[in-house]
């Protein structure tokens, strides 16, 4: 099985305009992923960390990248293929509530 990093993007406006029954089903899908061993969670405020030439740590609160929607959560899932991973996350809250889910193959672990 291959590991995939998932990044969920979404906002409250999109979530609120999604029918409650669909949201409930999407949250049930999150619980299914968790029961299957996935690691998923809601994103907090990020911290940028730099240490140019190991000369001193510099930190800045806030995201480095920007997107049309805020990062809502992260996860690590296992699937046999990218296609299977896409299928696994296609019905989670951000995917169905007018957000987006990125699926990143984890090429190798260190």
C-alpha atoms as a PDB file:
ATOM      1  CA  UNK A   1       0.000   0.000   0.000  1.00  0.00           C
ATOM      2  CA  UNK A   2       1.189   3.484  -0.815  1.00  0.00           C
ATOM      3  CA  UNK A   3       0.789   6.492   1.480  1.00  0.00           C
ATOM      4  CA  UNK A   4      -0.853   9.712   0.346  1.00  0.00           C
ATOM      5  CA  UNK A   5      -0.903  13.120   2.003  1.00  0.00           C
ATOM      6  CA  UNK A   6      -4.247  14.855   1.686  1.00  0.00           C
ATOM      7  CA  UNK A   7      -4.794  18.590   2.052  1.00  0.00           C
ATOM      8  CA  UNK A   8      -8.366  19.791   2.514  1.00  0.00           C
ATOM      9  CA  UNK A   9      -9.403  23.308   1.507  1.00  0.00           C
ATOM     10  CA  UNK A  10     -12.792  24.752   2.378  1.00  0.00           C
ATOM     11  CA  UNK A  11     -14.652  27.479   4.176  1.00  0.00           C
ATOM     12  CA  UNK A  12     -17.701  27.803   6.377  1.00  0.00           C
ATOM     13  CA  UNK A  13     -19.730  29.441   3.589  1.00  0.00           C
ATOM     14  CA  UNK A  14     -19.422  26.392   1.335  1.00  0.00           C
ATOM     15  CA  UNK A  15     -20.019  24.031   4.233  1.00  0.00           C
ATOM     16  CA  UNK A  16     -23.164  25.854   5.329  1.00  0.00           C
ATOM     17  CA  UNK A  17     -24.723  25.839   1.846  1.00  0.00           C
ATOM     18  CA  UNK A  18     -24.289  22.064   1.532  1.00  0.00           C
ATOM     19  CA  UNK A  19     -27.379  20.073   2.566  1.00  0.00           C
ATOM     20  CA  UNK A  20     -27.095  18.691   6.104  1.00  0.00           C
ATOM     21  CA  UNK A  21     -27.704  15.109   4.959  1.00  0.00           C
ATOM     22  CA  UNK A  22     -24.760  15.331   2.561  1.00  0.00           C
ATOM     23  CA  UNK A  23     -22.540  16.884   5.260  1.00  0.00           C
ATOM     24  CA  UNK A  24     -23.506  14.123   7.693  1.00  0.00           C
ATOM     25  CA  UNK A  25     -22.637  11.467   5.111  1.00  0.00           C
ATOM     26  CA  UNK A  26     -19.301  13.196   4.463  1.00  0.00           C
ATOM     27  CA  UNK A  27     -18.465  13.204   8.178  1.00  0.00           C
ATOM     28  CA  UNK A  28     -19.360   9.504   8.284  1.00  0.00           C
ATOM     29  CA  UNK A  29     -16.817   9.013   5.495  1.00  0.00           C
ATOM     30  CA  UNK A  30     -14.184  10.733   7.662  1.00  0.00           C
ATOM     31  CA  UNK A  31     -15.003   8.273  10.460  1.00  0.00           C
ATOM     32  CA  UNK A  32     -14.635   5.376   8.014  1.00  0.00           C
ATOM     33  CA  UNK A  33     -11.200   6.632   6.955  1.00  0.00           C
ATOM     34  CA  UNK A  34     -10.171   6.984  10.606  1.00  0.00           C
ATOM     35  CA  UNK A  35     -11.378   3.477  11.397  1.00  0.00           C
ATOM     36  CA  UNK A  36      -9.285   2.228   8.469  1.00  0.00           C
ATOM     37  CA  UNK A  37      -6.112   3.719   9.927  1.00  0.00           C
ATOM     38  CA  UNK A  38      -6.012   7.138   8.274  1.00  0.00           C
ATOM     39  CA  UNK A  39      -4.596  10.060  10.210  1.00  0.00           C
ATOM     40  CA  UNK A  40      -6.773  13.123   9.643  1.00  0.00           C
ATOM     41  CA  UNK A  41      -7.304  16.382  11.453  1.00  0.00           C
ATOM     42  CA  UNK A  42      -8.426  19.972  11.319  1.00  0.00           C
ATOM     43  CA  UNK A  43      -5.783  22.562  10.485  1.00  0.00           C
ATOM     44  CA  UNK A  44      -4.744  25.160  13.043  1.00  0.00           C
ATOM     45  CA  UNK A  45      -2.723  28.323  12.454  1.00  0.00           C
ATOM     46  CA  UNK A  46       0.538  27.478  10.669  1.00  0.00           C
ATOM     47  CA  UNK A  47       4.021  28.632  11.587  1.00  0.00           C
ATOM     48  CA  UNK A  48       6.663  29.209   8.910  1.00  0.00           C
ATOM     49  CA  UNK A  49      10.159  28.088   9.934  1.00  0.00           C
ATOM     50  CA  UNK A  50      13.371  29.122   8.214  1.00  0.00           C
ATOM     51  CA  UNK A  51      16.996  28.607   9.187  1.00  0.00           C
ATOM     52  CA  UNK A  52      19.131  30.026   6.351  1.00  0.00           C
ATOM     53  CA  UNK A  53      22.474  28.230   6.241  1.00  0.00           C
ATOM     54  CA  UNK A  54      21.778  27.041   9.804  1.00  0.00           C
ATOM     55  CA  UNK A  55      22.510  30.582  10.967  1.00  0.00           C
ATOM     56  CA  UNK A  56      19.456  31.139  13.116  1.00  0.00           C
ATOM     57  CA  UNK A  57      15.850  30.111  13.249  1.00  0.00           C
ATOM     58  CA  UNK A  58      13.326  32.610  11.904  1.00  0.00           C
ATOM     59  CA  UNK A  59       9.591  32.101  12.383  1.00  0.00           C
ATOM     60  CA  UNK A  60       6.567  33.847  10.945  1.00  0.00           C
ATOM     61  CA  UNK A  61       3.001  33.078  11.965  1.00  0.00           C
ATOM     62  CA  UNK A  62       0.677  32.348   9.068  1.00  0.00           C
ATOM     63  CA  UNK A  63       0.645  30.376   5.842  1.00  0.00           C
ATOM     64  CA  UNK A  64       3.413  30.545   3.258  1.00  0.00           C
ATOM     65  CA  UNK A  65       1.192  29.535   0.346  1.00  0.00           C
ATOM     66  CA  UNK A  66      -2.113  31.134  -0.508  1.00  0.00           C
ATOM     67  CA  UNK A  67      -5.177  29.670  -2.162  1.00  0.00           C
ATOM     68  CA  UNK A  68      -8.702  30.743  -2.967  1.00  0.00           C
ATOM     69  CA  UNK A  69      -9.910  28.694   0.011  1.00  0.00           C
ATOM     70  CA  UNK A  70      -8.228  28.303   3.396  1.00  0.00           C
ATOM     71  CA  UNK A  71      -6.601  25.039   4.413  1.00  0.00           C
ATOM     72  CA  UNK A  72      -9.153  23.219   6.547  1.00  0.00           C
ATOM     73  CA  UNK A  73      -7.340  19.982   7.359  1.00  0.00           C
ATOM     74  CA  UNK A  74      -4.707  17.403   6.572  1.00  0.00           C
ATOM     75  CA  UNK A  75      -4.462  13.667   6.462  1.00  0.00           C
ATOM     76  CA  UNK A  76      -2.379  10.659   5.617  1.00  0.00           C
ATOM     77  CA  UNK A  77      -4.122   7.715   4.011  1.00  0.00           C
ATOM     78  CA  UNK A  78      -3.002   4.426   2.491  1.00  0.00           C
ATOM     79  CA  UNK A  79      -4.297   3.174  -0.835  1.00  0.00           C
ATOM     80  CA  UNK A  80      -3.217   0.761  -3.555  1.00  0.00           C
ATOM     81  CA  UNK A  81      -3.107   3.512  -6.196  1.00  0.00           C
ATOM     82  CA  UNK A  82      -3.674   7.203  -6.780  1.00  0.00           C
ATOM     83  CA  UNK A  83      -7.056   6.353  -8.287  1.00  0.00           C
ATOM     84  CA  UNK A  84      -8.079   4.485  -5.159  1.00  0.00           C
ATOM     85  CA  UNK A  85      -6.895   7.392  -2.971  1.00  0.00           C
ATOM     86  CA  UNK A  86      -8.952   9.826  -5.055  1.00  0.00           C
ATOM     87  CA  UNK A  87     -11.993   7.602  -4.602  1.00  0.00           C
ATOM     88  CA  UNK A  88     -11.425   7.435  -0.860  1.00  0.00           C
ATOM     89  CA  UNK A  89     -11.467  11.219  -0.416  1.00  0.00           C
ATOM     90  CA  UNK A  90     -14.062  12.100  -3.044  1.00  0.00           C
ATOM     91  CA  UNK A  91     -16.887  12.105  -0.495  1.00  0.00           C
ATOM     92  CA  UNK A  92     -15.222  13.745   2.536  1.00  0.00           C
ATOM     93  CA  UNK A  93     -16.545  17.119   3.762  1.00  0.00           C
ATOM     94  CA  UNK A  94     -14.259  19.451   1.794  1.00  0.00           C
ATOM     95  CA  UNK A  95     -14.805  17.525  -1.437  1.00  0.00           C
ATOM     96  CA  UNK A  96     -18.612  17.726  -1.230  1.00  0.00           C
ATOM     97  CA  UNK A  97     -19.019  21.123   0.481  1.00  0.00           C
ATOM     98  CA  UNK A  98     -17.692  23.344  -2.309  1.00  0.00           C
ATOM     99  CA  UNK A  99     -14.081  22.902  -1.261  1.00  0.00           C
ATOM    100  CA  UNK A 100     -11.292  20.813  -2.710  1.00  0.00           C
ATOM    101  CA  UNK A 101      -9.032  17.998  -1.551  1.00  0.00           C
ATOM    102  CA  UNK A 102      -5.493  17.641  -2.888  1.00  0.00           C
ATOM    103  CA  UNK A 103      -4.010  14.146  -2.942  1.00  0.00           C
ATOM    104  CA  UNK A 104      -0.212  14.009  -2.856  1.00  0.00           C
ATOM    105  CA  UNK A 105       1.548  10.659  -3.347  1.00  0.00           C
ATOM    106  CA  UNK A 106       4.200  10.261  -0.674  1.00  0.00           C
ATOM    107  CA  UNK A 107       7.060   9.127  -2.877  1.00  0.00           C
ATOM    108  CA  UNK A 108       9.186   7.894   0.011  1.00  0.00           C
ATOM    109  CA  UNK A 109       9.561   8.319   3.719  1.00  0.00           C
ATOM    110  CA  UNK A 110      12.826   9.263   5.367  1.00  0.00           C
END
